[in-house]
Amino acid sequence: MFATFDQRRRREFGLIVGGTLVGMGLGAAAAFVPSFLVVAGLVALLVGAWFARSIHSMLTATVLVATLLPFGTLPFKVGLTPALLELALLALYAMLVVRSLADPERTWRWGSLAPWVILLLASSFFSFIIGSNGSPDSLLLHNYFKLLLGICLFLGVQNALDSLEQARWWLRLLILAGWAAALLGIGLRFAPDAMALRFLTALAPLGYPASGRVLRYVEDDPSGFERAIGTSVDPNGFGGMMALLGAIALGQALAQRPVLGRKWLWLITASFALAVFLTSSRAALGGFMIAGLFLATVRYRQLWWLIGAGGLAGAIAIVGLGKGGDFVERIVEGIQFKDQANQMRLAEFRNAIAIIREYPVFGVGFGRAPNIDLTTGVSSVYLALGSRMGLVGLGLYILTALAFLVLTTQAARRCERSVSDAIIGLQAAILAALAVGLLDHYFFNIEFPHMGTLFWGVVGLAMVFMREVKNDQLTSSLK
């Protein structure tokens, strides 16, 4: 009885002390910053406390931030202002470490792909150090740290999810969070420009741009086609995210035991497809199409009828109704590298190849090129990796992707249909991202850490399905 009383007193004392410290902190903040920022900070504190109830809640927060507020930061400056995604990932990893320490019997899960991912991380770190001469500036260090946090979700997902049902839960979460982002992007695209601009600039206190190229257009012509961006700032980045998560939704729409109702999944997939089209990102469209072709070839033959019907409808619209001619012309010009955007890409490609020739082994790191005649920006994840991490880093990235595809293919062949459907859908998503990477650089970019977070989170989720299948088979063999 007395032990219970003492425990209750300690808990009450802790709440009093904690509440007093929070109150003092808010009072002090109110003396130096505007009141609306204090209120925003209090709301953020309450939201963060709600998500911090469990590891799964924090995993939910990570996905929601990565898809809906990928560039969100704290609404006040604290030196290098932490991003919301960065804080969510740090909290998730801290909770996983504390749980591991509290339960010594729980082993840390690495996954079959871990050696390749660790080598890739080590290569990136080495290039980062030698590229900055061992003394990177604070902004570069912070951005690289956020990239590492995103890649580490590969391990975070494996250690946060303990069963097939939990893996299916996170698969469902990825689809729904991506759908919310797709609907937001579609809504902002069709909203009046003034309304969309007002909404997006209202996010300025959270680190979003308040002026400049907030709304985006094809070839930056306000009289031309407006591109969907959602809250991802860049239409190509938004398109890449839609292709990645849309491929998962398409795989589940075709699956034998989907994580959501099949009619809902087809509606969600159509929303993703529309969002990809509205970004006018040819790389994202190509990636999404490759995911569909992969799914149709590997397992879902009925998808060929949908692809054929879609192609026929498109041909009728273009030839018979005269609709979509500008879109087709843009695709053709892109393939022929005749338009302004792809002419710039060609210049970037030549520049990246020149960097690789001059620094072939470990690249120039993640900062500026050491040669004033060269620049490191290039719209291809492969050339970007080659220039920043050298042929060593590029080779490790390609080998990691190939190892993922081999391991998941082997697992899909020996497990039950519902699990293999999920694995094949995740393969399609990664293939979509790898295809997008031919003409875009967002999935391994220190300035777009949310894209890497989603990419490696999907890879980690596939490892969870593989692990649980292996555990089930081991249990069955022991019976």
Protein backbone atom coordinates (compact mmCIF):
# COMPACT_ATOMS: atom_id res chain seq x y z
CA MET A 1 0.00 0.00 0.00
CA PHE A 2 2.75 2.43 0.98
CA ALA A 3 4.72 1.51 -2.14
CA THR A 4 1.70 2.36 -4.29
CA PHE A 5 1.24 5.62 -2.40
CA ASP A 6 4.92 6.54 -2.87
CA GLN A 7 4.75 5.69 -6.55
CA ARG A 8 1.68 7.89 -6.97
CA ARG A 9 3.37 10.74 -5.10
CA ARG A 10 6.45 10.50 -7.30
CA ARG A 11 4.29 10.56 -10.42
CA GLU A 12 2.37 13.60 -9.17
CA PHE A 13 5.61 15.34 -8.22
CA GLY A 14 7.03 14.63 -11.68
CA LEU A 15 3.93 16.06 -13.36
CA ILE A 16 4.10 19.19 -11.18
CA VAL A 17 7.79 19.74 -11.91
CA GLY A 18 7.33 19.02 -15.62
CA GLY A 19 4.31 21.33 -15.88
CA THR A 20 6.17 24.07 -14.03
CA LEU A 21 9.19 23.82 -16.36
CA VAL A 22 6.98 23.87 -19.46
CA GLY A 23 5.07 26.88 -18.10
CA MET A 24 8.29 28.72 -17.33
CA GLY A 25 9.62 27.92 -20.79
CA LEU A 26 6.48 29.19 -22.50
CA GLY A 27 6.46 32.30 -20.34
CA ALA A 28 10.08 33.04 -21.19
CA ALA A 29 9.42 32.41 -24.87
CA ALA A 30 6.45 34.82 -24.80
CA ALA A 31 8.76 37.58 -23.65
CA PHE A 32 11.02 37.26 -26.70
CA VAL A 33 8.89 35.91 -29.57
CA PRO A 34 5.45 36.76 -30.99
CA SER A 35 2.52 35.22 -29.14
CA PHE A 36 1.28 33.26 -32.17
CA LEU A 37 4.61 31.40 -32.25
CA VAL A 38 4.20 30.52 -28.58
CA VAL A 39 0.73 29.13 -29.32
CA ALA A 40 2.12 27.24 -32.33
CA GLY A 41 4.90 25.84 -30.16
CA LEU A 42 2.39 24.70 -27.54
CA VAL A 43 0.24 23.01 -30.19
CA ALA A 44 3.33 21.34 -31.64
CA LEU A 45 4.31 20.16 -28.15
CA LEU A 46 0.87 18.64 -27.59
CA VAL A 47 0.85 16.97 -31.02
CA GLY A 48 4.36 15.65 -30.46
CA ALA A 49 3.37 14.29 -27.03
CA TRP A 50 0.38 12.51 -28.57
CA PHE A 51 2.51 10.87 -31.27
CA ALA A 52 5.20 9.95 -28.71
CA ARG A 53 2.79 7.59 -26.94
CA SER A 54 4.20 4.61 -28.82
CA ILE A 55 6.68 3.59 -31.49
CA HIS A 56 3.87 3.00 -33.97
CA SER A 57 2.46 6.47 -33.33
CA MET A 58 5.87 7.97 -34.04
CA LEU A 59 6.16 5.86 -37.18
CA THR A 60 2.79 7.30 -38.21
CA ALA A 61 4.04 10.84 -37.55
CA THR A 62 7.12 10.16 -39.69
CA VAL A 63 5.04 9.06 -42.69
CA LEU A 64 2.55 11.92 -42.34
CA VAL A 65 5.30 14.54 -42.16
CA ALA A 66 7.24 13.00 -45.07
CA THR A 67 4.17 13.07 -47.32
CA LEU A 68 2.20 16.13 -46.16
CA LEU A 69 4.78 18.52 -44.66
CA PRO A 70 8.10 17.29 -46.05
CA PHE A 71 9.84 20.67 -45.70
CA GLY A 72 8.17 21.67 -42.44
CA THR A 73 10.37 23.06 -39.69
CA LEU A 74 9.81 24.41 -36.21
CA PRO A 75 8.08 27.82 -36.43
CA PHE A 76 11.00 29.59 -34.76
CA LYS A 77 14.74 29.80 -35.28
CA VAL A 78 17.06 27.74 -33.10
CA GLY A 79 20.42 28.08 -34.82
CA LEU A 80 19.97 25.55 -37.61
CA THR A 81 16.22 25.08 -37.33
CA PRO A 82 15.35 21.36 -37.03
CA ALA A 83 12.95 19.97 -39.60
CA LEU A 84 9.79 18.24 -38.40
CA LEU A 85 10.80 15.07 -40.26
CA GLU A 86 14.20 15.16 -38.60
CA LEU A 87 12.62 15.45 -35.14
CA ALA A 88 10.17 12.62 -35.88
CA LEU A 89 12.96 10.31 -37.03
CA LEU A 90 15.17 11.15 -34.05
CA ALA A 91 12.27 10.49 -31.67
CA LEU A 92 11.52 7.18 -33.40
CA TYR A 93 15.12 6.00 -33.18
CA ALA A 94 15.42 7.13 -29.55
CA MET A 95 12.29 5.16 -28.64
CA LEU A 96 13.63 2.07 -30.41
CA VAL A 97 16.95 2.31 -28.56
CA VAL A 98 15.24 2.80 -25.19
CA ARG A 99 12.97 -0.18 -25.84
CA SER A 100 15.96 -2.29 -26.78
CA LEU A 101 17.80 -1.32 -23.59
CA ALA A 102 14.72 -1.98 -21.47
CA ASP A 103 14.23 -5.43 -22.99
CA PRO A 104 17.62 -7.19 -23.24
CA GLU A 105 15.99 -10.26 -24.83
CA ARG A 106 14.90 -8.22 -27.85
CA THR A 107 17.55 -8.52 -30.55
CA TRP A 108 18.30 -5.77 -33.03
CA ARG A 109 17.12 -6.67 -36.53
CA TRP A 110 19.32 -5.85 -39.48
CA GLY A 111 17.86 -7.67 -42.47
CA SER A 112 19.55 -9.49 -45.34
CA LEU A 113 20.24 -6.25 -47.19
CA ALA A 114 21.97 -4.55 -44.24
CA PRO A 115 25.60 -5.22 -45.37
CA TRP A 116 24.97 -3.43 -48.65
CA VAL A 117 23.20 -0.50 -47.00
CA ILE A 118 25.99 -0.14 -44.42
CA LEU A 119 28.63 -0.14 -47.17
CA LEU A 120 26.64 2.51 -49.04
CA LEU A 121 26.42 4.65 -45.89
CA ALA A 122 30.14 4.23 -45.23
CA SER A 123 30.96 5.23 -48.79
CA SER A 124 28.75 8.32 -48.56
CA PHE A 125 30.37 9.31 -45.25
CA PHE A 126 33.88 8.92 -46.67
CA SER A 127 33.00 11.03 -49.73
CA PHE A 128 31.36 13.60 -47.47
CA ILE A 129 34.49 13.93 -45.32
CA ILE A 130 37.05 14.10 -48.11
CA GLY A 131 34.82 16.37 -50.18
CA SER A 132 34.62 18.91 -47.36
CA ASN A 133 38.29 18.48 -46.39
CA GLY A 134 37.23 17.24 -42.99
CA SER A 135 35.55 20.54 -42.05
CA PRO A 136 32.06 20.86 -43.57
CA ASP A 137 30.04 23.99 -42.90
CA SER A 138 27.12 23.69 -40.51
CA LEU A 139 24.40 23.76 -43.20
CA LEU A 140 26.05 21.03 -45.26
CA LEU A 141 26.58 18.91 -42.14
CA HIS A 142 22.95 19.37 -41.12
CA ASN A 143 21.61 18.43 -44.56
CA TYR A 144 23.83 15.35 -44.73
CA PHE A 145 22.69 14.34 -41.25
CA LYS A 146 19.06 14.50 -42.40
CA LEU A 147 19.91 12.29 -45.38
CA LEU A 148 21.47 9.70 -43.04
CA LEU A 149 18.41 9.80 -40.78
CA GLY A 150 16.19 9.02 -43.75
CA ILE A 151 18.32 6.10 -44.92
CA CYS A 152 18.34 4.68 -41.39
CA LEU A 153 14.57 4.25 -41.59
CA PHE A 154 15.54 1.04 -43.38
CA LEU A 155 16.53 -0.26 -39.93
CA GLY A 156 13.89 1.70 -38.03
CA VAL A 157 11.00 0.05 -39.87
CA GLN A 158 12.44 -3.43 -39.36
CA ASN A 159 12.75 -2.91 -35.61
CA ALA A 160 9.44 -1.11 -35.15
CA LEU A 161 7.29 -3.73 -36.89
CA ASP A 162 7.05 -7.12 -35.21
CA SER A 163 4.56 -9.10 -37.31
CA LEU A 164 2.93 -9.48 -40.70
CA GLU A 165 -0.17 -7.67 -39.45
CA GLN A 166 1.94 -4.71 -38.37
CA ALA A 167 3.69 -4.74 -41.74
CA ARG A 168 0.29 -4.69 -43.47
CA TRP A 169 -0.72 -1.82 -41.19
CA TRP A 170 2.27 0.27 -42.28
CA LEU A 171 1.64 -0.63 -45.92
CA ARG A 172 -1.89 0.70 -45.48
CA LEU A 173 -0.54 3.83 -43.81
CA LEU A 174 1.84 4.56 -46.70
CA ILE A 175 -1.02 4.29 -49.19
CA LEU A 176 -3.42 6.49 -47.21
CA ALA A 177 -0.81 9.15 -46.40
CA GLY A 178 0.24 9.23 -50.04
CA TRP A 179 -3.40 9.48 -51.11
CA ALA A 180 -3.89 12.47 -48.81
CA ALA A 181 -0.86 14.11 -50.42
CA ALA A 182 -2.21 13.30 -53.89
CA LEU A 183 -5.63 14.80 -53.12
CA LEU A 184 -3.97 17.90 -51.66
CA GLY A 185 -1.84 18.28 -54.78
CA ILE A 186 -4.83 17.82 -57.09
CA GLY A 187 -6.93 20.25 -55.04
CA LEU A 188 -4.26 22.95 -55.08
CA ARG A 189 -3.69 22.42 -58.80
CA PHE A 190 -7.36 23.06 -59.66
CA ALA A 191 -7.91 25.77 -57.06
CA PRO A 192 -7.73 29.41 -58.22
CA ASP A 193 -4.11 30.56 -58.29
CA ALA A 194 -4.72 33.20 -55.64
CA MET A 195 -6.24 30.66 -53.25
CA ALA A 196 -3.46 28.09 -53.83
CA LEU A 197 -0.81 30.78 -53.39
CA ARG A 198 -2.43 32.00 -50.17
CA PHE A 199 -2.51 28.46 -48.79
CA LEU A 200 1.11 27.68 -49.64
CA THR A 201 2.55 30.99 -48.43
CA ALA A 202 0.64 30.52 -45.15
CA LEU A 203 3.13 27.69 -44.51
CA ALA A 204 6.02 30.18 -44.51
CA PRO A 205 6.39 30.11 -40.68
CA LEU A 206 7.02 26.36 -41.05
CA GLY A 207 9.95 26.85 -43.41
CA TYR A 208 8.11 27.04 -46.74
CA PRO A 209 8.81 29.79 -49.31
CA ALA A 210 6.80 32.97 -48.86
CA SER A 211 7.58 34.40 -52.30
CA GLY A 212 9.20 33.58 -55.61
CA ARG A 213 8.38 30.41 -57.53
CA VAL A 214 5.69 29.14 -55.16
CA LEU A 215 3.35 27.99 -57.93
CA ARG A 216 5.10 26.14 -60.73
CA TYR A 217 4.42 26.07 -64.47
CA VAL A 218 5.81 24.22 -67.48
CA GLU A 219 8.93 26.12 -68.60
CA ASP A 220 8.13 28.68 -65.86
CA ASP A 221 5.47 30.29 -68.06
CA PRO A 222 2.51 31.46 -65.90
CA SER A 223 0.31 31.47 -68.99
CA GLY A 224 1.06 27.80 -69.63
CA PHE A 225 0.27 24.53 -67.88
CA GLU A 226 0.32 24.74 -64.09
CA ARG A 227 2.11 21.82 -62.44
CA ALA A 228 0.86 20.05 -59.32
CA ILE A 229 3.24 20.35 -56.37
CA GLY A 230 1.17 19.66 -53.25
CA THR A 231 3.31 20.74 -50.31
CA SER A 232 6.48 19.28 -51.88
CA VAL A 233 7.67 22.63 -53.34
CA ASP A 234 9.03 20.97 -56.49
CA PRO A 235 6.71 19.30 -59.05
CA ASN A 236 9.28 16.71 -60.09
CA GLY A 237 9.88 15.72 -56.47
CA PHE A 238 6.14 15.50 -55.89
CA GLY A 239 5.76 13.39 -59.02
CA GLY A 240 8.48 11.00 -57.83
CA MET A 241 6.71 10.55 -54.50
CA MET A 242 3.40 9.90 -56.27
CA ALA A 243 5.05 7.30 -58.54
CA LEU A 244 6.63 5.49 -55.56
CA LEU A 245 3.49 5.33 -53.42
CA GLY A 246 1.13 4.97 -56.39
CA ALA A 247 2.94 1.79 -57.44
CA ILE A 248 2.27 0.34 -53.97
CA ALA A 249 -1.42 1.25 -54.27
CA LEU A 250 -1.63 -0.33 -57.74
CA GLY A 251 -0.01 -3.52 -56.46
CA GLN A 252 -2.51 -3.74 -53.62
CA ALA A 253 -5.46 -3.03 -55.93
CA LEU A 254 -4.45 -6.18 -57.83
CA ALA A 255 -3.52 -8.23 -54.76
CA GLN A 256 -5.48 -11.28 -53.66
CA ARG A 257 -5.80 -9.99 -50.08
CA PRO A 258 -5.48 -6.19 -50.23
CA VAL A 259 -4.93 -4.03 -47.15
CA LEU A 260 -7.96 -1.89 -48.07
CA GLY A 261 -11.19 -2.42 -49.99
CA ARG A 262 -10.44 -3.11 -53.64
CA LYS A 263 -12.79 -0.41 -54.95
CA TRP A 264 -11.14 2.13 -52.66
CA LEU A 265 -7.71 1.04 -53.84
CA TRP A 266 -8.65 1.55 -57.50
CA LEU A 267 -9.94 5.01 -56.63
CA ILE A 268 -6.73 5.75 -54.74
CA THR A 269 -4.59 4.46 -57.62
CA ALA A 270 -6.51 6.66 -60.07
CA SER A 271 -5.84 9.65 -57.78
CA PHE A 272 -2.13 8.85 -57.80
CA ALA A 273 -2.14 8.54 -61.59
CA LEU A 274 -3.92 11.89 -61.97
CA ALA A 275 -1.48 13.53 -59.56
CA VAL A 276 1.49 12.15 -61.53
CA PHE A 277 -0.02 13.47 -64.78
CA LEU A 278 -0.67 16.92 -63.28
CA THR A 279 2.95 17.27 -62.16
CA SER A 280 3.91 17.13 -65.85
CA SER A 281 6.99 15.21 -64.73
CA ARG A 282 8.02 12.92 -67.53
CA ALA A 283 10.38 11.03 -65.25
CA ALA A 284 7.58 10.36 -62.73
CA LEU A 285 5.16 9.32 -65.48
CA GLY A 286 7.76 6.96 -66.91
CA GLY A 287 8.45 5.49 -63.48
CA PHE A 288 4.76 4.90 -62.78
CA MET A 289 4.31 3.25 -66.18
CA ILE A 290 7.31 0.98 -65.60
CA ALA A 291 5.81 -0.10 -62.27
CA GLY A 292 2.57 -0.99 -64.05
CA LEU A 293 4.38 -2.91 -66.80
CA PHE A 294 6.40 -4.80 -64.18
CA LEU A 295 3.25 -5.82 -62.28
CA ALA A 296 1.52 -6.90 -65.50
CA THR A 297 4.53 -8.94 -66.62
CA VAL A 298 5.39 -10.62 -63.33
CA ARG A 299 1.96 -11.64 -62.05
CA TYR A 300 -1.17 -9.65 -62.92
CA ARG A 301 -1.83 -10.43 -66.58
CA GLN A 302 -5.26 -8.78 -66.40
CA LEU A 303 -3.49 -5.44 -66.03
CA TRP A 304 -2.51 -5.64 -69.70
CA TRP A 305 -6.19 -5.13 -70.60
CA LEU A 306 -6.25 -1.93 -68.53
CA ILE A 307 -2.99 -0.73 -70.08
CA GLY A 308 -4.32 -1.47 -73.55
CA ALA A 309 -7.63 0.26 -72.85
CA GLY A 310 -5.81 3.28 -71.48
CA GLY A 311 -3.59 3.45 -74.56
CA LEU A 312 -6.58 3.14 -76.89
CA ALA A 313 -8.51 5.84 -75.01
CA GLY A 314 -5.48 8.12 -75.17
CA ALA A 315 -5.10 7.55 -78.92
CA ILE A 316 -8.79 8.32 -79.52
CA ALA A 317 -8.57 11.47 -77.44
CA ILE A 318 -5.51 12.70 -79.30
CA VAL A 319 -6.34 11.67 -82.86
CA GLY A 320 -10.13 11.71 -82.82
CA LEU A 321 -10.88 14.57 -80.42
CA GLY A 322 -7.72 16.61 -80.77
CA LYS A 323 -7.13 16.53 -77.01
CA GLY A 324 -3.77 16.13 -75.33
CA GLY A 325 -1.68 17.17 -78.32
CA ASP A 326 0.44 19.52 -76.22
CA PHE A 327 1.12 16.77 -73.70
CA VAL A 328 2.20 14.31 -76.40
CA GLU A 329 4.37 16.97 -78.00
CA ARG A 330 6.04 17.60 -74.63
CA ILE A 331 6.70 13.87 -74.22
CA VAL A 332 8.17 13.59 -77.73
CA GLU A 333 10.35 16.66 -77.23
CA GLY A 334 11.53 15.19 -73.95
CA ILE A 335 12.51 11.91 -75.59
CA GLN A 336 14.35 13.81 -78.31
CA PHE A 337 15.89 16.23 -75.76
CA LYS A 338 14.66 19.19 -77.80
CA ASP A 339 12.86 21.28 -75.15
CA GLN A 340 14.55 23.78 -72.85
CA ALA A 341 14.35 21.61 -69.72
CA ASN A 342 16.04 18.64 -71.37
CA GLN A 343 18.62 20.84 -73.07
CA MET A 344 19.58 21.95 -69.57
CA ARG A 345 19.62 18.29 -68.49
CA LEU A 346 22.08 17.47 -71.28
CA ALA A 347 24.36 20.26 -70.08
CA GLU A 348 24.09 18.89 -66.53
CA PHE A 349 24.88 15.38 -67.77
CA ARG A 350 28.01 16.57 -69.57
CA ASN A 351 29.08 18.48 -66.48
CA ALA A 352 28.52 15.45 -64.21
CA ILE A 353 30.47 13.18 -66.56
CA ALA A 354 33.34 15.70 -66.50
CA ILE A 355 33.34 15.56 -62.68
CA ILE A 356 33.35 11.76 -62.70
CA ARG A 357 36.29 11.73 -65.12
CA GLU A 358 38.24 14.12 -62.91
CA TYR A 359 37.26 12.53 -59.55
CA PRO A 360 36.35 8.94 -60.50
CA VAL A 361 36.87 7.01 -57.25
CA PHE A 362 35.16 8.85 -54.39
CA GLY A 363 33.71 11.92 -56.13
CA VAL A 364 33.65 15.48 -54.83
CA GLY A 365 31.41 14.98 -51.81
CA PHE A 366 28.10 16.66 -51.09
CA GLY A 367 29.17 20.29 -51.26
CA ARG A 368 30.39 22.37 -54.18
CA ALA A 369 32.76 21.06 -56.81
CA PRO A 370 36.39 21.99 -56.08
CA ASN A 371 36.84 23.20 -59.66
CA ILE A 372 35.19 26.56 -60.39
CA ASP A 373 34.37 25.42 -63.94
CA LEU A 374 32.23 22.54 -62.69
CA THR A 375 28.93 22.38 -60.78
CA THR A 376 27.52 19.39 -58.89
CA GLY A 377 23.80 19.73 -59.64
CA VAL A 378 22.49 17.13 -62.11
CA SER A 379 19.00 15.76 -62.75
CA SER A 380 19.88 12.07 -62.48
CA VAL A 381 20.37 10.17 -59.27
CA TYR A 382 22.98 7.96 -60.92
CA LEU A 383 25.11 10.77 -62.30
CA ALA A 384 24.62 12.68 -59.04
CA LEU A 385 25.92 9.68 -57.08
CA GLY A 386 28.79 9.24 -59.52
CA SER A 387 29.85 12.87 -59.19
CA ARG A 388 29.35 13.12 -55.42
CA MET A 389 30.40 9.62 -54.29
CA GLY A 390 32.43 8.47 -57.26
CA LEU A 391 32.15 5.18 -59.09
CA VAL A 392 32.52 3.37 -55.76
CA GLY A 393 29.36 4.97 -54.35
CA LEU A 394 27.46 4.62 -57.62
CA GLY A 395 28.43 0.97 -57.88
CA LEU A 396 27.33 0.27 -54.30
CA TYR A 397 23.97 1.96 -54.92
CA ILE A 398 23.33 -0.15 -58.03
CA LEU A 399 24.49 -3.34 -56.29
CA THR A 400 22.23 -2.56 -53.31
CA ALA A 401 19.26 -2.13 -55.64
CA LEU A 402 20.07 -5.38 -57.46
CA ALA A 403 20.52 -7.23 -54.16
CA PHE A 404 17.12 -5.94 -53.03
CA LEU A 405 15.44 -7.20 -56.18
CA VAL A 406 17.15 -10.61 -55.98
CA LEU A 407 16.38 -11.14 -52.29
CA THR A 408 12.76 -10.06 -52.57
CA THR A 409 12.21 -12.16 -55.70
CA GLN A 410 13.53 -15.23 -53.89
CA ALA A 411 11.25 -14.52 -50.92
CA ALA A 412 8.19 -13.92 -53.11
CA ARG A 413 8.62 -17.33 -54.75
CA ARG A 414 8.47 -19.30 -51.50
CA CYS A 415 5.76 -17.53 -49.48
CA GLU A 416 1.98 -17.50 -49.49
CA ARG A 417 0.11 -15.43 -52.07
CA SER A 418 -0.96 -12.53 -49.81
CA VAL A 419 2.61 -11.89 -48.69
CA SER A 420 4.16 -12.32 -52.13
CA ASP A 421 1.60 -9.82 -53.48
CA ALA A 422 2.80 -7.28 -50.95
CA ILE A 423 6.47 -7.95 -51.76
CA ILE A 424 5.89 -7.65 -55.52
CA GLY A 425 4.04 -4.36 -54.99
CA LEU A 426 7.01 -3.03 -53.00
CA GLN A 427 9.36 -4.20 -55.76
CA ALA A 428 7.25 -2.24 -58.26
CA ALA A 429 7.53 0.86 -56.08
CA ILE A 430 11.33 0.62 -55.88
CA LEU A 431 11.56 -0.02 -59.64
CA ALA A 432 9.43 3.10 -60.19
CA ALA A 433 11.83 5.12 -58.03
CA LEU A 434 14.88 3.68 -59.79
CA ALA A 435 13.34 4.56 -63.17
CA VAL A 436 12.51 8.09 -61.98
CA GLY A 437 16.14 8.38 -60.92
CA LEU A 438 17.29 8.22 -64.54
CA LEU A 439 16.08 11.79 -65.07
CA ASP A 440 15.70 13.09 -61.51
CA HIS A 441 17.86 13.12 -58.40
CA TYR A 442 15.41 13.36 -55.50
CA PHE A 443 15.68 9.86 -54.02
CA PHE A 444 19.31 10.42 -52.90
CA ASN A 445 19.57 14.15 -52.33
CA ILE A 446 20.56 15.98 -49.14
CA GLU A 447 18.05 18.75 -49.91
CA PHE A 448 15.11 16.33 -50.26
CA PRO A 449 15.54 13.99 -47.26
CA HIS A 450 11.85 13.01 -47.23
CA MET A 451 12.27 11.25 -50.58
CA GLY A 452 15.11 9.13 -49.24
CA THR A 453 13.09 8.49 -46.08
CA LEU A 454 10.16 7.07 -48.06
CA PHE A 455 12.43 5.11 -50.41
CA TRP A 456 14.38 3.38 -47.64
CA GLY A 457 11.25 2.96 -45.55
CA VAL A 458 9.72 0.95 -48.42
CA VAL A 459 12.92 -1.12 -48.70
CA GLY A 460 12.81 -1.77 -44.95
CA LEU A 461 9.15 -2.79 -45.14
CA ALA A 462 10.00 -5.41 -47.77
CA MET A 463 12.63 -6.77 -45.37
CA VAL A 464 9.94 -7.09 -42.68
CA PHE A 465 7.74 -9.20 -44.95
CA MET A 466 10.75 -11.36 -45.84
CA ARG A 467 11.70 -11.82 -42.18
CA GLU A 468 8.23 -12.77 -41.04
CA VAL A 469 7.86 -15.30 -43.86
CA LYS A 470 11.18 -16.86 -42.87
CA ASN A 471 10.13 -16.97 -39.21
CA ASP A 472 6.82 -18.63 -40.09
CA GLN A 473 8.58 -21.23 -42.21
CA LEU A 474 11.09 -21.92 -39.43
CA THR A 475 8.28 -22.33 -36.90
CA SER A 476 6.42 -24.72 -39.22
CA SER A 477 9.52 -26.86 -39.74
CA LEU A 478 10.01 -27.21 -35.97
CA LYS A 479 6.48 -28.47 -35.37
